[in-house]
């Protein structure tokens, strides 16, 4: 009987390890697709993100790390979206032709990742820091082209 229990335990453990490995591969694959370059890719990524363990993806972004929430927010945002896509967003409310970044799933991902590392940081603080980076995206694009 003990032998059967051991075999069943080993089988269950092996299955669990395979599931974890598959999840890690899926998260790593998804993580490697960032930064998002355009709206079409954003829609695709949003659908893909729905099929993964979001907490693991959040943890991957939190591992980018830095010494304060502002720098971490900027670094994660740089990994999340390209300057070309960032240029079409504002931080809070959409203005003119620009859309509100805080209404995207990426904004949620950003906030959760920063708050995993810096628990006391509010969403408003993260949004304000992100808003500054988004606002300067056009400027960065001009500097790249010169």
Protein backbone atom coordinates (compact mmCIF):
# COMPACT_ATOMS: atom_id res chain seq x y z
CA UNK A 1 0.00 0.00 0.00
CA UNK A 2 2.79 2.42 0.91
CA UNK A 3 4.42 1.72 -2.44
CA UNK A 4 1.18 2.64 -4.27
CA UNK A 5 0.89 5.83 -2.23
CA UNK A 6 4.49 6.75 -3.09
CA UNK A 7 3.87 6.11 -6.80
CA UNK A 8 0.69 8.22 -6.70
CA UNK A 9 2.48 11.00 -4.82
CA UNK A 10 5.38 10.97 -7.27
CA UNK A 11 2.96 10.99 -10.20
CA UNK A 12 1.03 13.95 -8.76
CA UNK A 13 4.26 15.78 -7.98
CA UNK A 14 5.51 15.17 -11.50
CA UNK A 15 2.24 16.48 -12.96
CA UNK A 16 2.40 19.56 -10.75
CA UNK A 17 6.01 20.23 -11.81
CA UNK A 18 5.03 19.92 -15.48
CA UNK A 19 2.19 22.40 -15.00
CA UNK A 20 4.49 24.86 -13.22
CA UNK A 21 7.13 24.49 -15.93
CA UNK A 22 4.53 25.05 -18.65
CA UNK A 23 3.21 28.14 -16.82
CA UNK A 24 6.74 29.52 -16.43
CA UNK A 25 7.43 29.00 -20.14
CA UNK A 26 4.16 30.70 -21.04
CA UNK A 27 4.94 33.67 -18.76
CA UNK A 28 8.51 33.94 -20.09
CA UNK A 29 7.26 33.82 -23.69
CA UNK A 30 4.69 36.52 -23.01
CA UNK A 31 7.22 38.66 -21.12
CA UNK A 32 9.61 38.48 -24.09
CA UNK A 33 6.94 40.01 -26.38
CA UNK A 34 7.09 43.33 -24.53
CA UNK A 35 7.26 46.24 -25.22
CA UNK A 36 3.93 46.54 -27.00
CA UNK A 37 4.50 48.45 -30.23
CA UNK A 38 0.99 49.37 -31.45
CA UNK A 39 -2.75 49.16 -30.74
CA UNK A 40 -3.19 45.85 -32.59
CA UNK A 41 -0.44 44.24 -30.56
CA UNK A 42 -1.94 45.75 -27.39
CA UNK A 43 -5.25 44.03 -28.14
CA UNK A 44 -3.47 40.72 -28.85
CA UNK A 45 -1.42 40.98 -25.67
CA UNK A 46 -4.49 41.81 -23.59
CA UNK A 47 -6.14 38.62 -24.83
CA UNK A 48 -2.98 36.57 -24.18
CA UNK A 49 -2.62 37.98 -20.68
CA UNK A 50 -6.12 36.75 -19.83
CA UNK A 51 -4.86 33.17 -20.35
CA UNK A 52 -1.89 33.28 -17.97
CA UNK A 53 -1.31 33.49 -14.23
CA UNK A 54 -1.39 37.27 -13.93
CA UNK A 55 0.29 37.27 -10.53
CA UNK A 56 3.35 35.56 -12.03
CA UNK A 57 3.48 38.13 -14.83
CA UNK A 58 3.16 40.94 -12.28
CA UNK A 59 6.02 39.37 -10.33
CA UNK A 60 8.19 39.27 -13.48
CA UNK A 61 7.68 43.01 -13.95
CA UNK A 62 8.31 43.69 -10.25
CA UNK A 63 11.66 41.90 -10.60
CA UNK A 64 12.82 44.67 -12.95
CA UNK A 65 13.40 46.44 -9.65
CA UNK A 66 14.83 49.73 -8.52
CA UNK A 67 15.38 51.74 -5.36
CA UNK A 68 12.14 53.77 -5.41
CA UNK A 69 8.65 53.53 -6.87
CA UNK A 70 9.17 56.35 -9.38
CA UNK A 71 12.18 54.75 -11.03
CA UNK A 72 10.53 51.32 -10.96
CA UNK A 73 7.40 52.78 -12.59
CA UNK A 74 9.49 54.35 -15.36
CA UNK A 75 11.49 51.15 -15.94
CA UNK A 76 8.41 48.92 -16.06
CA UNK A 77 6.62 51.36 -18.36
CA UNK A 78 9.64 51.35 -20.68
CA UNK A 79 9.39 47.53 -20.81
CA UNK A 80 5.58 47.59 -21.24
CA UNK A 81 5.13 49.94 -24.20
CA UNK A 82 7.24 51.52 -26.91
CA UNK A 83 7.64 55.28 -27.13
CA UNK A 84 5.60 55.19 -30.37
CA UNK A 85 2.63 53.72 -28.53
CA UNK A 86 3.24 55.80 -25.41
CA UNK A 87 2.97 58.94 -27.55
CA UNK A 88 -0.74 58.24 -28.22
CA UNK A 89 -1.59 58.01 -24.51
CA UNK A 90 -2.07 60.43 -21.67
CA UNK A 91 -1.81 59.30 -18.10
CA UNK A 92 -5.30 59.97 -16.80
CA UNK A 93 -7.99 61.34 -19.07
CA UNK A 94 -7.91 61.07 -22.82
CA UNK A 95 -7.39 64.49 -24.36
CA UNK A 96 -7.95 65.25 -28.02
CA UNK A 97 -6.79 62.25 -30.01
CA UNK A 98 -4.87 60.80 -27.08
CA UNK A 99 -6.31 57.90 -25.09
CA UNK A 100 -6.20 57.36 -21.34
CA UNK A 101 -3.47 54.88 -20.38
CA UNK A 102 -5.10 54.22 -17.01
CA UNK A 103 -7.99 52.52 -18.82
CA UNK A 104 -5.74 49.83 -20.30
CA UNK A 105 -4.90 46.48 -18.81
CA UNK A 106 -1.22 47.47 -18.95
CA UNK A 107 -1.92 50.19 -16.41
CA UNK A 108 -3.29 47.58 -14.01
CA UNK A 109 -0.25 45.39 -14.61
CA UNK A 110 2.05 48.37 -13.95
CA UNK A 111 0.27 49.34 -10.72
CA UNK A 112 0.25 45.80 -9.34
CA UNK A 113 3.95 45.30 -10.12
CA UNK A 114 4.99 48.56 -8.46
CA UNK A 115 2.79 47.88 -5.45
CA UNK A 116 4.26 44.40 -5.08
CA UNK A 117 7.66 46.02 -4.54
CA UNK A 118 6.52 49.22 -2.81
CA UNK A 119 3.37 48.32 -0.88
CA UNK A 120 2.70 51.82 0.47
CA UNK A 121 2.65 53.40 -3.00
CA UNK A 122 -0.78 54.58 -4.12
CA UNK A 123 -2.23 54.10 -7.58
CA UNK A 124 -2.38 57.89 -7.91
CA UNK A 125 1.38 58.16 -7.29
CA UNK A 126 2.04 55.48 -9.90
CA UNK A 127 -0.31 57.12 -12.41
CA UNK A 128 1.33 60.53 -11.93
CA UNK A 129 4.80 59.08 -12.52
CA UNK A 130 3.55 57.13 -15.56
CA UNK A 131 1.83 60.24 -16.89
CA UNK A 132 5.11 62.16 -16.94
CA UNK A 133 6.84 59.37 -18.90
CA UNK A 134 3.92 59.15 -21.34
CA UNK A 135 3.92 62.92 -21.86
CA UNK A 136 7.62 62.90 -22.76
CA UNK A 137 7.32 60.02 -25.26
CA UNK A 138 7.00 62.37 -28.25
CA UNK A 139 10.11 64.23 -27.10
CA UNK A 140 12.08 60.97 -26.84
CA UNK A 141 10.96 60.00 -30.34
CA UNK A 142 12.21 63.32 -31.73
CA UNK A 143 15.56 62.83 -30.01
CA UNK A 144 15.87 59.30 -31.46
CA UNK A 145 15.32 60.55 -35.00
CA UNK A 146 17.99 63.27 -34.79
